[in-house]
Amino acid sequence: MIEGRCLALRRGGEWVFPKGHLEAGERPPETAVREVREECGLDVRIIAPLGTTRYEFQAPGEAAHRKWVHWFVAEPTGGHVRLEPPFEESRLLDARAAQTLLTHDSDRELADRAFRTR
């Protein structure tokens, strides 16, 4: 959260939150901090957990992928927004804008929980 707003990233036609994958030896909070730094250029401090979501996806010609994502509310402690490709744009969203702009229902639910946590 930055001044009571959440950071969303645009990739193609989708508005999403930063997320990534666990690397060897990492715990979910460490992954979240690393992925935000890599994808957005911001150093963050975890404030609270938001829960876990599970989803599956399949690219044409590939096997199905199952993914668990651990979500956290965090606040910036340094850095500047600098997007890693394939992200093209970022926006700071208040609670109303998050419900309008975010692409996926699960992200809108996360935003709602994050705003209630703060």
PDB file of N, CA and C in Angstrom:
ATOM      1  N   MET A   1       0.853  -1.170   0.000  1.00  0.00           N
ATOM      2  CA  MET A   1       0.000   0.000   0.000  1.00  0.00           C
ATOM      3  C   MET A   1       0.898   1.233   0.000  1.00  0.00           C
ATOM      4  N   ILE A   2       0.536   2.183  -0.812  1.00  0.00           N
ATOM      5  CA  ILE A   2       1.263   3.442  -0.904  1.00  0.00           C
ATOM      6  C   ILE A   2       0.244   4.550  -0.686  1.00  0.00           C
ATOM      7  N   GLU A   3       0.361   5.237   0.438  1.00  0.00           N
ATOM      8  CA  GLU A   3      -0.562   6.317   0.782  1.00  0.00           C
ATOM      9  C   GLU A   3      -2.016   5.871   0.652  1.00  0.00           C
ATOM     10  N   GLY A   4      -2.321   4.680   1.177  1.00  0.00           N
ATOM     11  CA  GLY A   4      -3.681   4.173   1.163  1.00  0.00           C
ATOM     12  C   GLY A   4      -4.165   3.640  -0.167  1.00  0.00           C
ATOM     13  N   ARG A   5      -3.256   3.452  -1.103  1.00  0.00           N
ATOM     14  CA  ARG A   5      -3.633   2.917  -2.412  1.00  0.00           C
ATOM     15  C   ARG A   5      -2.794   1.686  -2.710  1.00  0.00           C
ATOM     16  N   CYS A   6      -3.297   0.850  -3.618  1.00  0.00           N
ATOM     17  CA  CYS A   6      -2.555  -0.360  -3.985  1.00  0.00           C
ATOM     18  C   CYS A   6      -1.960  -0.191  -5.382  1.00  0.00           C
ATOM     19  N   LEU A   7      -0.852  -0.853  -5.606  1.00  0.00           N
ATOM     20  CA  LEU A   7      -0.145  -0.787  -6.877  1.00  0.00           C
ATOM     21  C   LEU A   7      -0.605  -1.934  -7.765  1.00  0.00           C
ATOM     22  N   ALA A   8      -1.099  -1.597  -8.957  1.00  0.00           N
ATOM     23  CA  ALA A   8      -1.498  -2.589  -9.948  1.00  0.00           C
ATOM     24  C   ALA A   8      -0.614  -2.430 -11.172  1.00  0.00           C
ATOM     25  N   LEU A   9      -0.383  -3.543 -11.865  1.00  0.00           N
ATOM     26  CA  LEU A   9       0.483  -3.564 -13.041  1.00  0.00           C
ATOM     27  C   LEU A   9      -0.317  -4.026 -14.255  1.00  0.00           C
ATOM     28  N   ARG A  10      -0.047  -3.407 -15.411  1.00  0.00           N
ATOM     29  CA  ARG A  10      -0.703  -3.834 -16.644  1.00  0.00           C
ATOM     30  C   ARG A  10       0.264  -4.643 -17.475  1.00  0.00           C
ATOM     31  N   ARG A  11      -0.219  -5.798 -17.890  1.00  0.00           N
ATOM     32  CA  ARG A  11       0.515  -6.706 -18.772  1.00  0.00           C
ATOM     33  C   ARG A  11      -0.461  -7.064 -19.880  1.00  0.00           C
ATOM     34  N   GLY A  12      -0.196  -6.563 -21.086  1.00  0.00           N
ATOM     35  CA  GLY A  12      -1.157  -6.764 -22.162  1.00  0.00           C
ATOM     36  C   GLY A  12      -2.456  -6.075 -21.772  1.00  0.00           C
ATOM     37  N   GLY A  13      -3.547  -6.782 -21.852  1.00  0.00           N
ATOM     38  CA  GLY A  13      -4.833  -6.203 -21.489  1.00  0.00           C
ATOM     39  C   GLY A  13      -5.254  -6.475 -20.070  1.00  0.00           C
ATOM     40  N   GLU A  14      -4.367  -7.024 -19.243  1.00  0.00           N
ATOM     41  CA  GLU A  14      -4.726  -7.385 -17.873  1.00  0.00           C
ATOM     42  C   GLU A  14      -4.094  -6.454 -16.846  1.00  0.00           C
ATOM     43  N   TRP A  15      -4.883  -6.092 -15.836  1.00  0.00           N
ATOM     44  CA  TRP A  15      -4.379  -5.373 -14.666  1.00  0.00           C
ATOM     45  C   TRP A  15      -4.322  -6.359 -13.511  1.00  0.00           C
ATOM     46  N   VAL A  16      -3.131  -6.521 -12.936  1.00  0.00           N
ATOM     47  CA  VAL A  16      -2.885  -7.539 -11.917  1.00  0.00           C
ATOM     48  C   VAL A  16      -1.999  -6.981 -10.811  1.00  0.00           C
ATOM     49  N   PHE A  17      -1.795  -7.787  -9.780  1.00  0.00           N
ATOM     50  CA  PHE A  17      -0.847  -7.474  -8.719  1.00  0.00           C
ATOM     51  C   PHE A  17       0.467  -8.200  -8.989  1.00  0.00           C
ATOM     52  N   PRO A  18       1.577  -7.680  -8.467  1.00  0.00           N
ATOM     53  CA  PRO A  18       2.854  -8.408  -8.595  1.00  0.00           C
ATOM     54  C   PRO A  18       2.750  -9.769  -7.920  1.00  0.00           C
ATOM     55  N   LYS A  19       3.332 -10.760  -8.547  1.00  0.00           N
ATOM     56  CA  LYS A  19       3.402 -12.094  -7.943  1.00  0.00           C
ATOM     57  C   LYS A  19       4.522 -12.858  -8.634  1.00  0.00           C
ATOM     58  N   GLY A  20       4.914 -13.950  -8.041  1.00  0.00           N
ATOM     59  CA  GLY A  20       6.000 -14.714  -8.639  1.00  0.00           C
ATOM     60  C   GLY A  20       6.046 -16.118  -8.111  1.00  0.00           C
ATOM     61  N   HIS A  21       7.232 -16.676  -8.090  1.00  0.00           N
ATOM     62  CA  HIS A  21       7.420 -18.069  -7.690  1.00  0.00           C
ATOM     63  C   HIS A  21       8.479 -18.160  -6.598  1.00  0.00           C
ATOM     64  N   LEU A  22       8.320 -19.169  -5.759  1.00  0.00           N
ATOM     65  CA  LEU A  22       9.307 -19.439  -4.715  1.00  0.00           C
ATOM     66  C   LEU A  22      10.588 -19.944  -5.351  1.00  0.00           C
ATOM     67  N   GLU A  23      11.700 -19.420  -4.892  1.00  0.00           N
ATOM     68  CA  GLU A  23      13.002 -19.974  -5.279  1.00  0.00           C
ATOM     69  C   GLU A  23      13.492 -20.861  -4.149  1.00  0.00           C
ATOM     70  N   ALA A  24      14.442 -21.711  -4.446  1.00  0.00           N
ATOM     71  CA  ALA A  24      14.951 -22.666  -3.470  1.00  0.00           C
ATOM     72  C   ALA A  24      15.324 -21.966  -2.167  1.00  0.00           C
ATOM     73  N   GLY A  25      14.807 -22.486  -1.071  1.00  0.00           N
ATOM     74  CA  GLY A  25      15.142 -21.969   0.252  1.00  0.00           C
ATOM     75  C   GLY A  25      14.346 -20.754   0.685  1.00  0.00           C
ATOM     76  N   GLU A  26      13.487 -20.226  -0.165  1.00  0.00           N
ATOM     77  CA  GLU A  26      12.703 -19.043   0.195  1.00  0.00           C
ATOM     78  C   GLU A  26      11.408 -19.435   0.902  1.00  0.00           C
ATOM     79  N   ARG A  27      10.961 -18.529   1.749  1.00  0.00           N
ATOM     80  CA  ARG A  27       9.635 -18.619   2.360  1.00  0.00           C
ATOM     81  C   ARG A  27       8.758 -17.598   1.643  1.00  0.00           C
ATOM     82  N   PRO A  28       7.443 -17.767   1.678  1.00  0.00           N
ATOM     83  CA  PRO A  28       6.564 -16.859   0.930  1.00  0.00           C
ATOM     84  C   PRO A  28       6.788 -15.358   1.188  1.00  0.00           C
ATOM     85  N   PRO A  29       6.993 -14.899   2.431  1.00  0.00           N
ATOM     86  CA  PRO A  29       7.229 -13.458   2.592  1.00  0.00           C
ATOM     87  C   PRO A  29       8.503 -12.977   1.885  1.00  0.00           C
ATOM     88  N   GLU A  30       9.545 -13.805   1.916  1.00  0.00           N
ATOM     89  CA  GLU A  30      10.791 -13.443   1.223  1.00  0.00           C
ATOM     90  C   GLU A  30      10.567 -13.376  -0.283  1.00  0.00           C
ATOM     91  N   THR A  31       9.790 -14.312  -0.801  1.00  0.00           N
ATOM     92  CA  THR A  31       9.474 -14.312  -2.223  1.00  0.00           C
ATOM     93  C   THR A  31       8.715 -13.051  -2.596  1.00  0.00           C
ATOM     94  N   ALA A  32       7.737 -12.676  -1.791  1.00  0.00           N
ATOM     95  CA  ALA A  32       6.942 -11.484  -2.083  1.00  0.00           C
ATOM     96  C   ALA A  32       7.827 -10.239  -2.163  1.00  0.00           C
ATOM     97  N   VAL A  33       8.718 -10.079  -1.202  1.00  0.00           N
ATOM     98  CA  VAL A  33       9.619  -8.917  -1.195  1.00  0.00           C
ATOM     99  C   VAL A  33      10.511  -8.932  -2.436  1.00  0.00           C
ATOM    100  N   ARG A  34      11.074 -10.083  -2.759  1.00  0.00           N
ATOM    101  CA  ARG A  34      11.958 -10.193  -3.931  1.00  0.00           C
ATOM    102  C   ARG A  34      11.196  -9.918  -5.227  1.00  0.00           C
ATOM    103  N   GLU A  35      10.024 -10.511  -5.374  1.00  0.00           N
ATOM    104  CA  GLU A  35       9.270 -10.354  -6.615  1.00  0.00           C
ATOM    105  C   GLU A  35       8.812  -8.912  -6.828  1.00  0.00           C
ATOM    106  N   VAL A  36       8.398  -8.232  -5.776  1.00  0.00           N
ATOM    107  CA  VAL A  36       8.011  -6.823  -5.923  1.00  0.00           C
ATOM    108  C   VAL A  36       9.222  -6.000  -6.362  1.00  0.00           C
ATOM    109  N   ARG A  37      10.379  -6.281  -5.770  1.00  0.00           N
ATOM    110  CA  ARG A  37      11.589  -5.566  -6.167  1.00  0.00           C
ATOM    111  C   ARG A  37      11.908  -5.824  -7.642  1.00  0.00           C
ATOM    112  N   GLU A  38      11.844  -7.095  -8.056  1.00  0.00           N
ATOM    113  CA  GLU A  38      12.168  -7.441  -9.444  1.00  0.00           C
ATOM    114  C   GLU A  38      11.155  -6.878 -10.431  1.00  0.00           C
ATOM    115  N   GLU A  39       9.871  -6.996 -10.138  1.00  0.00           N
ATOM    116  CA  GLU A  39       8.838  -6.602 -11.096  1.00  0.00           C
ATOM    117  C   GLU A  39       8.550  -5.118 -11.087  1.00  0.00           C
ATOM    118  N   CYS A  40       8.739  -4.462  -9.935  1.00  0.00           N
ATOM    119  CA  CYS A  40       8.323  -3.059  -9.790  1.00  0.00           C
ATOM    120  C   CYS A  40       9.436  -2.097  -9.426  1.00  0.00           C
ATOM    121  N   GLY A  41      10.569  -2.599  -8.940  1.00  0.00           N
ATOM    122  CA  GLY A  41      11.651  -1.718  -8.524  1.00  0.00           C
ATOM    123  C   GLY A  41      11.525  -1.177  -7.119  1.00  0.00           C
ATOM    124  N   LEU A  42      10.528  -1.633  -6.362  1.00  0.00           N
ATOM    125  CA  LEU A  42      10.322  -1.117  -5.012  1.00  0.00           C
ATOM    126  C   LEU A  42      10.820  -2.099  -3.959  1.00  0.00           C
ATOM    127  N   ASP A  43      11.433  -1.559  -2.917  1.00  0.00           N
ATOM    128  CA  ASP A  43      11.733  -2.331  -1.724  1.00  0.00           C
ATOM    129  C   ASP A  43      10.518  -2.192  -0.819  1.00  0.00           C
ATOM    130  N   VAL A  44      10.050  -3.302  -0.246  1.00  0.00           N
ATOM    131  CA  VAL A  44       8.850  -3.258   0.579  1.00  0.00           C
ATOM    132  C   VAL A  44       9.055  -4.001   1.883  1.00  0.00           C
ATOM    133  N   ARG A  45       8.183  -3.670   2.823  1.00  0.00           N
ATOM    134  CA  ARG A  45       8.116  -4.341   4.122  1.00  0.00           C
ATOM    135  C   ARG A  45       6.736  -4.961   4.229  1.00  0.00           C
ATOM    136  N   ILE A  46       6.683  -6.232   4.581  1.00  0.00           N
ATOM    137  CA  ILE A  46       5.417  -6.929   4.748  1.00  0.00           C
ATOM    138  C   ILE A  46       4.701  -6.399   5.988  1.00  0.00           C
ATOM    139  N   ILE A  47       3.423  -6.088   5.830  1.00  0.00           N
ATOM    140  CA  ILE A  47       2.598  -5.617   6.941  1.00  0.00           C
ATOM    141  C   ILE A  47       1.719  -6.741   7.480  1.00  0.00           C
ATOM    142  N   ALA A  48       1.067  -7.479   6.557  1.00  0.00           N
ATOM    143  CA  ALA A  48       0.139  -8.530   6.985  1.00  0.00           C
ATOM    144  C   ALA A  48      -0.070  -9.533   5.858  1.00  0.00           C
ATOM    145  N   PRO A  49      -0.317 -10.785   6.203  1.00  0.00           N
ATOM    146  CA  PRO A  49      -0.679 -11.766   5.171  1.00  0.00           C
ATOM    147  C   PRO A  49      -2.128 -11.539   4.725  1.00  0.00           C
ATOM    148  N   LEU A  50      -2.422 -11.876   3.471  1.00  0.00           N
ATOM    149  CA  LEU A  50      -3.783 -11.749   2.933  1.00  0.00           C
ATOM    150  C   LEU A  50      -4.392 -13.086   2.547  1.00  0.00           C
ATOM    151  N   GLY A  51      -3.643 -14.152   2.684  1.00  0.00           N
ATOM    152  CA  GLY A  51      -4.167 -15.456   2.330  1.00  0.00           C
ATOM    153  C   GLY A  51      -3.472 -16.033   1.110  1.00  0.00           C
ATOM    154  N   THR A  52      -3.996 -17.147   0.650  1.00  0.00           N
ATOM    155  CA  THR A  52      -3.403 -17.891  -0.452  1.00  0.00           C
ATOM    156  C   THR A  52      -4.475 -18.200  -1.482  1.00  0.00           C
ATOM    157  N   THR A  53      -4.113 -18.092  -2.753  1.00  0.00           N
ATOM    158  CA  THR A  53      -5.022 -18.511  -3.820  1.00  0.00           C
ATOM    159  C   THR A  53      -4.341 -19.596  -4.631  1.00  0.00           C
ATOM    160  N   ARG A  54      -5.160 -20.431  -5.248  1.00  0.00           N
ATOM    161  CA  ARG A  54      -4.674 -21.515  -6.093  1.00  0.00           C
ATOM    162  C   ARG A  54      -5.358 -21.371  -7.438  1.00  0.00           C
ATOM    163  N   TYR A  55      -4.601 -21.511  -8.499  1.00  0.00           N
ATOM    164  CA  TYR A  55      -5.211 -21.492  -9.822  1.00  0.00           C
ATOM    165  C   TYR A  55      -4.408 -22.357 -10.773  1.00  0.00           C
ATOM    166  N   GLU A  56      -5.042 -22.666 -11.886  1.00  0.00           N
ATOM    167  CA  GLU A  56      -4.409 -23.469 -12.930  1.00  0.00           C
ATOM    168  C   GLU A  56      -4.481 -22.702 -14.236  1.00  0.00           C
ATOM    169  N   PHE A  57      -3.473 -22.882 -15.077  1.00  0.00           N
ATOM    170  CA  PHE A  57      -3.489 -22.282 -16.401  1.00  0.00           C
ATOM    171  C   PHE A  57      -2.761 -23.199 -17.358  1.00  0.00           C
ATOM    172  N   GLN A  58      -3.049 -23.027 -18.635  1.00  0.00           N
ATOM    173  CA  GLN A  58      -2.415 -23.858 -19.642  1.00  0.00           C
ATOM    174  C   GLN A  58      -2.209 -23.038 -20.908  1.00  0.00           C
ATOM    175  N   ALA A  59      -0.966 -22.945 -21.322  1.00  0.00           N
ATOM    176  CA  ALA A  59      -0.638 -22.291 -22.584  1.00  0.00           C
ATOM    177  C   ALA A  59      -0.848 -23.299 -23.709  1.00  0.00           C
ATOM    178  N   PRO A  60      -1.190 -22.831 -24.897  1.00  0.00           N
ATOM    179  CA  PRO A  60      -1.385 -23.762 -26.012  1.00  0.00           C
ATOM    180  C   PRO A  60      -0.161 -24.658 -26.215  1.00  0.00           C
ATOM    181  N   GLY A  61      -0.409 -25.944 -26.316  1.00  0.00           N
ATOM    182  CA  GLY A  61       0.669 -26.902 -26.543  1.00  0.00           C
ATOM    183  C   GLY A  61       1.490 -27.254 -25.322  1.00  0.00           C
ATOM    184  N   GLU A  62       1.106 -26.760 -24.146  1.00  0.00           N
ATOM    185  CA  GLU A  62       1.857 -27.045 -22.923  1.00  0.00           C
ATOM    186  C   GLU A  62       0.997 -27.806 -21.929  1.00  0.00           C
ATOM    187  N   ALA A  63       1.654 -28.428 -20.974  1.00  0.00           N
ATOM    188  CA  ALA A  63       0.946 -29.102 -19.883  1.00  0.00           C
ATOM    189  C   ALA A  63       0.325 -28.050 -18.963  1.00  0.00           C
ATOM    190  N   ALA A  64      -0.693 -28.442 -18.244  1.00  0.00           N
ATOM    191  CA  ALA A  64      -1.331 -27.532 -17.291  1.00  0.00           C
ATOM    192  C   ALA A  64      -0.365 -27.213 -16.147  1.00  0.00           C
ATOM    193  N   HIS A  65      -0.418 -25.980 -15.672  1.00  0.00           N
ATOM    194  CA  HIS A  65       0.400 -25.528 -14.545  1.00  0.00           C
ATOM    195  C   HIS A  65      -0.530 -25.259 -13.368  1.00  0.00           C
ATOM    196  N   ARG A  66      -0.139 -25.713 -12.192  1.00  0.00           N
ATOM    197  CA  ARG A  66      -0.870 -25.410 -10.964  1.00  0.00           C
ATOM    198  C   ARG A  66      -0.010 -24.474 -10.140  1.00  0.00           C
ATOM    199  N   LYS A  67      -0.625 -23.434  -9.621  1.00  0.00           N
ATOM    200  CA  LYS A  67       0.147 -22.435  -8.896  1.00  0.00           C
ATOM    201  C   LYS A  67      -0.586 -22.035  -7.618  1.00  0.00           C
ATOM    202  N   TRP A  68       0.174 -21.946  -6.536  1.00  0.00           N
ATOM    203  CA  TRP A  68      -0.306 -21.399  -5.265  1.00  0.00           C
ATOM    204  C   TRP A  68       0.368 -20.042  -5.102  1.00  0.00           C
ATOM    205  N   VAL A  69      -0.407 -19.029  -4.774  1.00  0.00           N
ATOM    206  CA  VAL A  69       0.148 -17.696  -4.579  1.00  0.00           C
ATOM    207  C   VAL A  69      -0.191 -17.236  -3.165  1.00  0.00           C
ATOM    208  N   HIS A  70       0.844 -16.863  -2.411  1.00  0.00           N
ATOM    209  CA  HIS A  70       0.681 -16.318  -1.063  1.00  0.00           C
ATOM    210  C   HIS A  70       0.692 -14.799  -1.193  1.00  0.00           C
ATOM    211  N   TRP A  71      -0.335 -14.160  -0.686  1.00  0.00           N
ATOM    212  CA  TRP A  71      -0.496 -12.714  -0.842  1.00  0.00           C
ATOM    213  C   TRP A  71      -0.228 -11.995   0.470  1.00  0.00           C
ATOM    214  N   PHE A  72       0.311 -10.766   0.350  1.00  0.00           N
ATOM    215  CA  PHE A  72       0.634  -9.952   1.517  1.00  0.00           C
ATOM    216  C   PHE A  72       0.305  -8.492   1.247  1.00  0.00           C
ATOM    217  N   VAL A  73      -0.017  -7.773   2.298  1.00  0.00           N
ATOM    218  CA  VAL A  73      -0.065  -6.315   2.238  1.00  0.00           C
ATOM    219  C   VAL A  73       1.340  -5.860   2.601  1.00  0.00           C
ATOM    220  N   ALA A  74       1.875  -4.942   1.818  1.00  0.00           N
ATOM    221  CA  ALA A  74       3.226  -4.443   2.059  1.00  0.00           C
ATOM    222  C   ALA A  74       3.239  -2.941   1.841  1.00  0.00           C
ATOM    223  N   GLU A  75       4.261  -2.306   2.380  1.00  0.00           N
ATOM    224  CA  GLU A  75       4.437  -0.869   2.143  1.00  0.00           C
ATOM    225  C   GLU A  75       5.860  -0.641   1.659  1.00  0.00           C
ATOM    226  N   PRO A  76       6.036   0.370   0.805  1.00  0.00           N
ATOM    227  CA  PRO A  76       7.375   0.622   0.269  1.00  0.00           C
ATOM    228  C   PRO A  76       8.302   1.201   1.332  1.00  0.00           C
ATOM    229  N   THR A  77       9.569   0.790   1.245  1.00  0.00           N
ATOM    230  CA  THR A  77      10.600   1.327   2.136  1.00  0.00           C
ATOM    231  C   THR A  77      11.707   1.992   1.334  1.00  0.00           C
ATOM    232  N   GLY A  78      11.646   1.881   0.007  1.00  0.00           N
ATOM    233  CA  GLY A  78      12.668   2.479  -0.845  1.00  0.00           C
ATOM    234  C   GLY A  78      12.478   2.079  -2.290  1.00  0.00           C
ATOM    235  N   GLY A  79      13.334   2.611  -3.122  1.00  0.00           N
ATOM    236  CA  GLY A  79      13.281   2.321  -4.542  1.00  0.00           C
ATOM    237  C   GLY A  79      12.319   3.244  -5.274  1.00  0.00           C
ATOM    238  N   HIS A  80      12.204   3.035  -6.560  1.00  0.00           N
ATOM    239  CA  HIS A  80      11.315   3.804  -7.426  1.00  0.00           C
ATOM    240  C   HIS A  80      10.635   2.833  -8.368  1.00  0.00           C
ATOM    241  N   VAL A  81       9.397   3.131  -8.746  1.00  0.00           N
ATOM    242  CA  VAL A  81       8.698   2.233  -9.654  1.00  0.00           C
ATOM    243  C   VAL A  81       9.458   2.170 -10.978  1.00  0.00           C
ATOM    244  N   ARG A  82       9.887   0.969 -11.300  1.00  0.00           N
ATOM    245  CA  ARG A  82      10.614   0.661 -12.538  1.00  0.00           C
ATOM    246  C   ARG A  82      10.142  -0.718 -12.943  1.00  0.00           C
ATOM    247  N   LEU A  83       9.339  -0.769 -13.999  1.00  0.00           N
ATOM    248  CA  LEU A  83       8.678  -2.013 -14.363  1.00  0.00           C
ATOM    249  C   LEU A  83       9.569  -2.946 -15.165  1.00  0.00           C
ATOM    250  N   GLU A  84       9.507  -4.216 -14.822  1.00  0.00           N
ATOM    251  CA  GLU A  84      10.201  -5.271 -15.545  1.00  0.00           C
ATOM    252  C   GLU A  84       9.269  -5.748 -16.663  1.00  0.00           C
ATOM    253  N   PRO A  85       9.810  -5.959 -17.877  1.00  0.00           N
ATOM    254  CA  PRO A  85       8.965  -6.534 -18.927  1.00  0.00           C
ATOM    255  C   PRO A  85       8.466  -7.908 -18.469  1.00  0.00           C
ATOM    256  N   PRO A  86       7.250  -8.278 -18.776  1.00  0.00           N
ATOM    257  CA  PRO A  86       6.345  -7.718 -19.779  1.00  0.00           C
ATOM    258  C   PRO A  86       5.395  -6.661 -19.253  1.00  0.00           C
ATOM    259  N   PHE A  87       5.622  -6.133 -18.047  1.00  0.00           N
ATOM    260  CA  PHE A  87       4.723  -5.109 -17.526  1.00  0.00           C
ATOM    261  C   PHE A  87       4.940  -3.808 -18.268  1.00  0.00           C
ATOM    262  N   GLU A  88       3.842  -3.125 -18.577  1.00  0.00           N
ATOM    263  CA  GLU A  88       3.893  -1.932 -19.424  1.00  0.00           C
ATOM    264  C   GLU A  88       3.475  -0.653 -18.718  1.00  0.00           C
ATOM    265  N   GLU A  89       2.734  -0.788 -17.633  1.00  0.00           N
ATOM    266  CA  GLU A  89       2.197   0.393 -16.964  1.00  0.00           C
ATOM    267  C   GLU A  89       1.873   0.031 -15.527  1.00  0.00           C
ATOM    268  N   SER A  90       1.915   1.015 -14.651  1.00  0.00           N
ATOM    269  CA  SER A  90       1.493   0.810 -13.266  1.00  0.00           C
ATOM    270  C   SER A  90       0.552   1.940 -12.868  1.00  0.00           C
ATOM    271  N   ARG A  91      -0.300   1.644 -11.924  1.00  0.00           N
ATOM    272  CA  ARG A  91      -1.205   2.655 -11.372  1.00  0.00           C
ATOM    273  C   ARG A  91      -1.400   2.401  -9.896  1.00  0.00           C
ATOM    274  N   LEU A  92      -1.541   3.496  -9.167  1.00  0.00           N
ATOM    275  CA  LEU A  92      -1.927   3.414  -7.766  1.00  0.00           C
ATOM    276  C   LEU A  92      -3.442   3.550  -7.712  1.00  0.00           C
ATOM    277  N   LEU A  93      -4.093   2.558  -7.103  1.00  0.00           N
ATOM    278  CA  LEU A  93      -5.542   2.499  -7.109  1.00  0.00           C
ATOM    279  C   LEU A  93      -6.111   2.663  -5.705  1.00  0.00           C
ATOM    280  N   ASP A  94      -7.148   3.506  -5.593  1.00  0.00           N
ATOM    281  CA  ASP A  94      -7.895   3.530  -4.345  1.00  0.00           C
ATOM    282  C   ASP A  94      -8.878   2.357  -4.381  1.00  0.00           C
ATOM    283  N   ALA A  95      -9.649   2.190  -3.324  1.00  0.00           N
ATOM    284  CA  ALA A  95     -10.533   1.018  -3.225  1.00  0.00           C
ATOM    285  C   ALA A  95     -11.527   0.958  -4.382  1.00  0.00           C
ATOM    286  N   ARG A  96     -12.097   2.077  -4.750  1.00  0.00           N
ATOM    287  CA  ARG A  96     -13.085   2.094  -5.836  1.00  0.00           C
ATOM    288  C   ARG A  96     -12.439   1.755  -7.180  1.00  0.00           C
ATOM    289  N   ALA A  97     -11.297   2.363  -7.476  1.00  0.00           N
ATOM    290  CA  ALA A  97     -10.617   2.113  -8.755  1.00  0.00           C
ATOM    291  C   ALA A  97     -10.162   0.662  -8.857  1.00  0.00           C
ATOM    292  N   ALA A  98      -9.750   0.066  -7.733  1.00  0.00           N
ATOM    293  CA  ALA A  98      -9.325  -1.335  -7.758  1.00  0.00           C
ATOM    294  C   ALA A  98     -10.473  -2.231  -8.192  1.00  0.00           C
ATOM    295  N   GLN A  99     -11.669  -1.948  -7.722  1.00  0.00           N
ATOM    296  CA  GLN A  99     -12.826  -2.768  -8.089  1.00  0.00           C
ATOM    297  C   GLN A  99     -13.200  -2.594  -9.559  1.00  0.00           C
ATOM    298  N   THR A 100     -12.848  -1.479 -10.141  1.00  0.00           N
ATOM    299  CA  THR A 100     -13.166  -1.207 -11.542  1.00  0.00           C
ATOM    300  C   THR A 100     -12.082  -1.697 -12.493  1.00  0.00           C
ATOM    301  N   LEU A 101     -10.820  -1.465 -12.145  1.00  0.00           N
ATOM    302  CA  LEU A 101      -9.727  -1.698 -13.087  1.00  0.00           C
ATOM    303  C   LEU A 101      -9.160  -3.118 -13.072  1.00  0.00           C
ATOM    304  N   LEU A 102      -9.032  -3.727 -11.905  1.00  0.00           N
ATOM    305  CA  LEU A 102      -8.408  -5.052 -11.832  1.00  0.00           C
ATOM    306  C   LEU A 102      -9.187  -6.058 -12.680  1.00  0.00           C
ATOM    307  N   THR A 103      -8.459  -6.880 -13.398  1.00  0.00           N
ATOM    308  CA  THR A 103      -9.047  -7.796 -14.372  1.00  0.00           C
ATOM    309  C   THR A 103      -9.766  -8.976 -13.728  1.00  0.00           C
ATOM    310  N   HIS A 104      -9.157  -9.580 -12.722  1.00  0.00           N
ATOM    311  CA  HIS A 104      -9.656 -10.847 -12.182  1.00  0.00           C
ATOM    312  C   HIS A 104     -10.442 -10.653 -10.889  1.00  0.00           C
ATOM    313  N   ASP A 105     -11.523 -11.424 -10.758  1.00  0.00           N
ATOM    314  CA  ASP A 105     -12.326 -11.382  -9.534  1.00  0.00           C
ATOM    315  C   ASP A 105     -11.461 -11.621  -8.305  1.00  0.00           C
ATOM    316  N   SER A 106     -10.536 -12.580  -8.405  1.00  0.00           N
ATOM    317  CA  SER A 106      -9.700 -12.899  -7.244  1.00  0.00           C
ATOM    318  C   SER A 106      -8.848 -11.696  -6.830  1.00  0.00           C
ATOM    319  N   ASP A 107      -8.374 -10.901  -7.787  1.00  0.00           N
ATOM    320  CA  ASP A 107      -7.596  -9.703  -7.454  1.00  0.00           C
ATOM    321  C   ASP A 107      -8.486  -8.626  -6.833  1.00  0.00           C
ATOM    322  N   ARG A 108      -9.716  -8.497  -7.318  1.00  0.00           N
ATOM    323  CA  ARG A 108     -10.637  -7.530  -6.716  1.00  0.00           C
ATOM    324  C   ARG A 108     -10.948  -7.913  -5.270  1.00  0.00           C
ATOM    325  N   GLU A 109     -11.096  -9.214  -5.008  1.00  0.00           N
ATOM    326  CA  GLU A 109     -11.324  -9.685  -3.634  1.00  0.00           C
ATOM    327  C   GLU A 109     -10.100  -9.409  -2.760  1.00  0.00           C
ATOM    328  N   LEU A 110      -8.899  -9.642  -3.303  1.00  0.00           N
ATOM    329  CA  LEU A 110      -7.674  -9.344  -2.556  1.00  0.00           C
ATOM    330  C   LEU A 110      -7.580  -7.860  -2.225  1.00  0.00           C
ATOM    331  N   ALA A 111      -7.886  -7.018  -3.198  1.00  0.00           N
ATOM    332  CA  ALA A 111      -7.841  -5.574  -2.965  1.00  0.00           C
ATOM    333  C   ALA A 111      -8.798  -5.192  -1.850  1.00  0.00           C
ATOM    334  N   ASP A 112      -9.995  -5.747  -1.878  1.00  0.00           N
ATOM    335  CA  ASP A 112     -10.978  -5.448  -0.839  1.00  0.00           C
ATOM    336  C   ASP A 112     -10.443  -5.840   0.534  1.00  0.00           C
ATOM    337  N   ARG A 113      -9.849  -7.035   0.634  1.00  0.00           N
ATOM    338  CA  ARG A 113      -9.266  -7.471   1.910  1.00  0.00           C
ATOM    339  C   ARG A 113      -8.116  -6.565   2.331  1.00  0.00           C
ATOM    340  N   ALA A 114      -7.275  -6.176   1.357  1.00  0.00           N
ATOM    341  CA  ALA A 114      -6.119  -5.319   1.673  1.00  0.00           C
ATOM    342  C   ALA A 114      -6.584  -3.969   2.213  1.00  0.00           C
ATOM    343  N   PHE A 115      -7.581  -3.380   1.609  1.00  0.00           N
ATOM    344  CA  PHE A 115      -8.066  -2.082   2.088  1.00  0.00           C
ATOM    345  C   PHE A 115      -8.690  -2.203   3.477  1.00  0.00           C
ATOM    346  N   ARG A 116      -9.333  -3.323   3.760  1.00  0.00           N
ATOM    347  CA  ARG A 116      -9.905  -3.523   5.100  1.00  0.00           C
ATOM    348  C   ARG A 116      -8.813  -3.791   6.134  1.00  0.00           C
ATOM    349  N   THR A 117      -7.668  -4.373   5.705  1.00  0.00           N
ATOM    350  CA  THR A 117      -6.551  -4.664   6.605  1.00  0.00           C
ATOM    351  C   THR A 117      -5.869  -3.380   7.051  1.00  0.00           C
ATOM    352  N   ARG A 118      -5.747  -2.458   6.154  1.00  0.00           N
ATOM    353  CA  ARG A 118      -5.048  -1.198   6.461  1.00  0.00           C
ATOM    354  C   ARG A 118      -5.901  -0.398   7.364  1.00  0.00           C
TER     355      ARG A 118
END
